[in-house]
Amino acid sequence: MAPPGAMPPPGTVHPPAAAGGGKRAALGVIAVIAAIAVLLGGKAVSGAVRKEMRGGSSGSSGDTGVAVPDDPAPSPSASASATQRAAVVTSLPDYCKGLRGSLPAKVRGIEVDTITSSEERRSCQWKRLSAANGRNLDIVVNTNASGNPANALEEAREEFGSAWENAGDPEFHKGREKLTGLGDEAFASHQVSPIVKGPSQAAAKTYWLGGAQLFVRKGNVTIDITWTAADAYRTSGKVVRGTNLPYPTAKKQAVALATKILATLG
């Protein structure tokens, strides 16, 4: 015996309708479905009404009046995935050369050190440490597609999250802030960090510099810019300190560089 409220199984025999009641029964079904359509905004059962007007399906069916759309649209997640795959950037121009005319004045004249350079990842550094001053501009642009391009967007998002977390380290940062209007997401942090330099470990000195770190993500591409500098160095033992580059100035110049890079991504 079926439990209370259960739908009858396919093939259940019902008492025949009274003579002349078949047409009235069909109209009654249509009226009920139309009423449901009004309650639901006419979205869920429009297919069922069309089916009933056509006299029902020629084949057997176990449905109970809930119609499947004739031409189901692709799911939003599937469409989003296709768009993301189509938008993946896998190659980059040579920013180490292309940014020469946009470099901050304090960096111009310093020879660039191309640490790593490939179509998938560009890394350039302009660095000079002397007894008078220090300069360090480090730019890394990464497609995050060196492994599986299908995972590049997820990798870029994870990189942004890790960089934001690291920017909260109070040892080398004096604050961080999210920025709007730059890529898909961006932040800047007030950075104060050292560079150790010397002919040997025993003779090495620690040069302190200050400025900004800027991290930007656009799609699967991440841009990491560290721009720190110091003037009027004074040496005390093995520690060299001076007047650091102001954070607002460093951030503004880093944003200008990132904007130029973003323009090449379309």
Protein backbone atom coordinates (compact mmCIF):
# COMPACT_ATOMS: atom_id res chain seq x y z
CA MET A 1 0.00 0.00 0.00
CA ALA A 2 1.40 3.40 -0.97
CA PRO A 3 2.16 5.83 1.86
CA PRO A 4 -0.29 8.69 2.39
CA GLY A 5 0.22 11.58 -0.04
CA ALA A 6 2.28 9.48 -2.52
CA MET A 7 1.72 9.99 -6.24
CA PRO A 8 0.21 7.00 -8.04
CA PRO A 9 2.75 4.93 -9.95
CA PRO A 10 2.81 5.05 -13.75
CA GLY A 11 0.06 2.90 -15.28
CA THR A 12 -2.42 3.35 -12.38
CA VAL A 13 -5.99 2.88 -13.64
CA HIS A 14 -8.42 5.73 -12.85
CA PRO A 15 -12.24 5.60 -13.14
CA PRO A 16 -13.34 6.66 -16.64
CA ALA A 17 -14.69 10.17 -17.01
CA ALA A 18 -18.41 10.64 -17.53
CA ALA A 19 -19.68 10.84 -21.09
CA GLY A 20 -18.82 14.21 -22.64
CA GLY A 21 -16.53 15.00 -19.73
CA GLY A 22 -13.26 14.50 -21.59
CA LYS A 23 -13.35 17.96 -23.15
CA ARG A 24 -14.46 19.52 -19.88
CA ALA A 25 -11.65 17.66 -18.04
CA ALA A 26 -9.04 18.96 -20.49
CA LEU A 27 -10.36 22.49 -20.11
CA GLY A 28 -10.26 22.01 -16.37
CA VAL A 29 -6.61 20.96 -16.49
CA ILE A 30 -5.77 24.00 -18.61
CA ALA A 31 -7.65 26.25 -16.20
CA VAL A 32 -5.73 24.83 -13.22
CA ILE A 33 -2.39 25.19 -14.99
CA ALA A 34 -3.25 28.74 -16.05
CA ALA A 35 -4.10 29.57 -12.45
CA ILE A 36 -0.77 28.20 -11.28
CA ALA A 37 0.95 30.22 -14.01
CA VAL A 38 -0.62 33.39 -12.66
CA LEU A 39 0.58 32.58 -9.14
CA LEU A 40 4.11 31.82 -10.32
CA GLY A 41 4.41 34.69 -12.75
CA GLY A 42 3.82 32.48 -15.80
CA LYS A 43 7.46 31.25 -15.82
CA ALA A 44 7.42 27.64 -14.60
CA VAL A 45 4.44 26.11 -16.42
CA SER A 46 4.16 27.87 -19.78
CA GLY A 47 5.63 24.77 -21.41
CA ALA A 48 2.99 22.61 -19.74
CA VAL A 49 0.18 24.78 -21.15
CA ARG A 50 1.59 24.51 -24.66
CA LYS A 51 1.90 20.75 -24.24
CA GLU A 52 -1.72 20.39 -23.09
CA MET A 53 -2.98 22.51 -25.98
CA ARG A 54 -1.16 20.15 -28.35
CA GLY A 55 -2.89 17.18 -26.78
CA GLY A 56 0.03 15.94 -24.71
CA SER A 57 3.18 14.05 -25.64
CA SER A 58 3.01 11.02 -27.91
CA GLY A 59 5.30 9.04 -25.68
CA SER A 60 4.78 7.81 -22.12
CA SER A 61 5.98 10.11 -19.37
CA GLY A 62 6.12 10.05 -15.60
CA ASP A 63 5.95 13.86 -15.20
CA THR A 64 3.25 15.54 -13.16
CA GLY A 65 2.73 18.74 -15.15
CA VAL A 66 6.13 20.44 -14.46
CA ALA A 67 7.54 21.16 -17.90
CA VAL A 68 11.21 21.34 -18.92
CA PRO A 69 11.90 24.38 -21.16
CA ASP A 70 12.08 23.50 -24.83
CA ASP A 71 15.45 25.27 -25.33
CA PRO A 72 17.25 25.50 -21.97
CA ALA A 73 19.75 28.36 -21.82
CA PRO A 74 23.34 27.58 -20.79
CA SER A 75 23.96 27.89 -17.08
CA PRO A 76 25.60 31.16 -15.90
CA SER A 77 28.53 29.22 -14.43
CA ALA A 78 29.21 27.52 -17.75
CA SER A 79 29.05 30.84 -19.61
CA ALA A 80 31.35 32.47 -17.03
CA SER A 81 33.86 29.63 -17.33
CA ALA A 82 33.93 29.96 -21.11
CA THR A 83 34.46 33.73 -20.83
CA GLN A 84 37.25 33.28 -18.30
CA ARG A 85 39.03 30.76 -20.50
CA ALA A 86 38.75 33.08 -23.49
CA ALA A 87 40.12 36.02 -21.51
CA VAL A 88 43.24 34.30 -20.15
CA VAL A 89 46.44 36.23 -20.98
CA THR A 90 49.39 33.92 -21.67
CA SER A 91 52.05 36.29 -23.08
CA LEU A 92 53.39 39.71 -22.06
CA PRO A 93 55.46 42.41 -23.77
CA ASP A 94 58.94 43.30 -22.52
CA TYR A 95 58.13 45.83 -19.80
CA CYS A 96 61.79 46.17 -18.81
CA LYS A 97 62.33 48.11 -22.03
CA GLY A 98 58.86 49.55 -22.49
CA LEU A 99 58.79 51.39 -19.14
CA ARG A 100 62.04 53.33 -19.56
CA GLY A 101 60.28 56.59 -20.41
CA SER A 102 57.87 56.27 -17.45
CA LEU A 103 60.36 55.59 -14.67
CA PRO A 104 60.52 57.90 -11.63
CA ALA A 105 63.24 60.55 -11.88
CA LYS A 106 65.22 58.99 -9.02
CA VAL A 107 65.60 55.76 -11.02
CA ARG A 108 66.50 57.13 -14.43
CA GLY A 109 70.07 56.39 -15.43
CA ILE A 110 70.21 53.18 -13.39
CA GLU A 111 70.77 50.08 -15.48
CA VAL A 112 67.93 47.60 -15.37
CA ASP A 113 68.55 44.11 -14.05
CA THR A 114 66.33 41.64 -15.88
CA ILE A 115 66.13 38.98 -13.20
CA THR A 116 63.76 36.74 -15.16
CA SER A 117 62.08 37.54 -18.42
CA SER A 118 59.75 35.34 -20.44
CA GLU A 119 56.47 35.82 -22.27
CA GLU A 120 54.58 34.48 -19.24
CA ARG A 121 56.44 36.40 -16.52
CA ARG A 122 58.42 39.66 -16.64
CA SER A 123 60.63 40.73 -13.74
CA CYS A 124 62.74 43.89 -13.80
CA GLN A 125 64.72 45.66 -11.09
CA TRP A 126 66.45 49.02 -10.95
CA LYS A 127 68.70 49.11 -7.87
CA ARG A 128 71.57 51.26 -6.66
CA LEU A 129 73.01 51.52 -3.15
CA SER A 130 75.76 53.98 -2.27
CA ALA A 131 77.06 55.86 0.74
CA ALA A 132 74.82 58.81 -0.25
CA ASN A 133 71.49 57.22 -1.21
CA GLY A 134 69.58 54.09 -2.14
CA ARG A 135 67.13 53.23 -4.92
CA ASN A 136 65.13 50.04 -5.46
CA LEU A 137 62.34 49.68 -8.03
CA ASP A 138 61.21 46.09 -8.47
CA ILE A 139 58.44 45.20 -10.96
CA VAL A 140 57.03 41.71 -11.50
CA VAL A 141 54.22 41.10 -14.02
CA ASN A 142 52.92 37.54 -14.07
CA THR A 143 50.24 35.78 -16.15
CA ASN A 144 50.07 32.96 -13.58
CA ALA A 145 49.62 30.66 -16.59
CA SER A 146 52.98 28.88 -16.56
CA GLY A 147 51.35 25.69 -15.31
CA ASN A 148 47.80 25.11 -16.49
CA PRO A 149 46.27 28.19 -18.17
CA ALA A 150 42.83 26.97 -17.10
CA ASN A 151 43.85 27.61 -13.48
CA ALA A 152 45.49 31.00 -14.14
CA LEU A 153 42.61 33.12 -12.85
CA GLU A 154 42.36 31.14 -9.62
CA GLU A 155 46.14 31.35 -9.18
CA ALA A 156 46.06 35.13 -9.67
CA ARG A 157 43.33 35.54 -7.06
CA GLU A 158 45.31 33.45 -4.58
CA GLU A 159 48.44 35.54 -5.27
CA PHE A 160 46.52 38.71 -4.54
CA GLY A 161 45.22 37.28 -1.27
CA SER A 162 48.69 36.19 -0.16
CA ALA A 163 50.20 39.59 -1.04
CA TRP A 164 47.47 41.41 0.90
CA GLU A 165 48.13 39.21 3.93
CA ASN A 166 51.89 39.79 3.73
CA ALA A 167 51.33 43.56 3.51
CA GLY A 168 49.85 43.36 6.98
CA ASP A 169 53.21 42.33 8.45
CA PRO A 170 54.12 45.23 10.76
CA GLU A 171 57.86 44.47 10.61
CA PHE A 172 58.27 45.94 7.13
CA HIS A 173 54.96 47.78 6.61
CA LYS A 174 53.32 50.79 8.23
CA GLY A 175 49.82 50.25 6.88
CA ARG A 176 47.91 49.00 3.85
CA GLU A 177 44.86 50.14 1.91
CA LYS A 178 42.58 48.74 -0.81
CA LEU A 179 42.41 50.84 -3.99
CA THR A 180 39.57 51.23 -6.49
CA GLY A 181 39.62 51.97 -10.20
CA LEU A 182 42.82 50.02 -10.83
CA GLY A 183 42.41 46.64 -12.50
CA ASP A 184 39.93 44.21 -10.92
CA GLU A 185 41.39 44.67 -7.45
CA ALA A 186 44.40 46.50 -6.03
CA PHE A 187 46.05 47.58 -2.82
CA ALA A 188 48.97 49.70 -1.70
CA SER A 189 51.07 49.45 1.46
CA HIS A 190 53.56 51.76 3.12
CA GLN A 191 56.76 49.75 2.97
CA VAL A 192 60.00 50.19 4.93
CA SER A 193 62.51 47.43 4.23
CA PRO A 194 66.25 46.71 4.20
CA ILE A 195 68.66 45.51 1.55
CA VAL A 196 71.88 43.83 2.68
CA LYS A 197 74.89 44.50 0.47
CA GLY A 198 78.63 43.98 0.75
CA PRO A 199 81.64 42.14 -0.69
CA SER A 200 81.29 39.50 2.03
CA GLN A 201 79.01 38.61 4.90
CA ALA A 202 81.41 40.10 7.39
CA ALA A 203 81.67 43.38 5.46
CA ALA A 204 77.98 43.59 4.44
CA LYS A 205 75.85 46.57 5.47
CA THR A 206 72.09 46.89 5.84
CA TYR A 207 70.62 49.74 3.80
CA TRP A 208 67.13 50.85 4.84
CA LEU A 209 64.73 52.28 2.27
CA GLY A 210 61.10 53.39 2.38
CA GLY A 211 58.27 53.89 -0.08
CA ALA A 212 55.38 51.80 -1.31
CA GLN A 213 54.33 48.41 -2.52
CA LEU A 214 51.51 48.26 -5.08
CA PHE A 215 49.78 45.03 -6.03
CA VAL A 216 47.21 44.90 -8.83
CA ARG A 217 45.22 42.06 -10.39
CA LYS A 218 43.45 42.25 -13.74
CA GLY A 219 42.00 38.92 -14.78
CA ASN A 220 44.76 36.35 -14.48
CA VAL A 221 47.57 38.94 -14.62
CA THR A 222 49.16 40.25 -11.42
CA ILE A 223 51.40 43.32 -11.15
CA ASP A 224 53.66 43.61 -8.11
CA ILE A 225 55.58 46.90 -7.81
CA THR A 226 57.93 47.73 -4.94
CA TRP A 227 59.31 51.26 -5.09
CA THR A 228 61.53 52.32 -2.19
CA ALA A 229 64.33 54.89 -1.89
CA ALA A 230 66.30 56.94 0.66
CA ASP A 231 68.52 60.01 0.56
CA ALA A 232 71.10 61.59 2.88
CA TYR A 233 72.38 58.25 4.13
CA ARG A 234 74.20 58.05 7.45
CA THR A 235 76.11 54.97 8.50
CA SER A 236 76.11 53.68 12.05
CA GLY A 237 78.14 50.49 12.32
CA LYS A 238 76.68 48.14 9.72
CA VAL A 239 73.35 49.96 9.46
CA VAL A 240 72.74 52.68 6.86
CA ARG A 241 69.69 54.95 7.24
CA GLY A 242 68.52 58.20 5.69
CA THR A 243 65.41 60.14 4.67
CA ASN A 244 62.98 57.71 3.08
CA LEU A 245 60.88 58.38 -0.01
CA PRO A 246 57.44 59.59 1.23
CA TYR A 247 54.70 56.98 0.92
CA PRO A 248 52.22 59.21 -1.00
CA THR A 249 54.87 60.05 -3.59
CA ALA A 250 55.99 56.44 -3.99
CA LYS A 251 52.37 55.23 -4.28
CA LYS A 252 51.51 57.83 -6.92
CA GLN A 253 54.54 56.90 -9.04
CA ALA A 254 53.83 53.17 -8.66
CA VAL A 255 50.21 53.70 -9.74
CA ALA A 256 51.44 55.53 -12.86
CA LEU A 257 53.64 52.55 -13.76
CA ALA A 258 50.83 50.05 -13.13
CA THR A 259 48.43 52.11 -15.25
CA LYS A 260 50.85 52.00 -18.17
CA ILE A 261 51.19 48.24 -17.80
CA LEU A 262 47.41 47.73 -17.58
CA ALA A 263 46.96 49.67 -20.82
CA THR A 264 48.91 46.96 -22.67
CA LEU A 265 46.52 44.26 -21.43
CA GLY A 266 43.50 45.78 -23.22
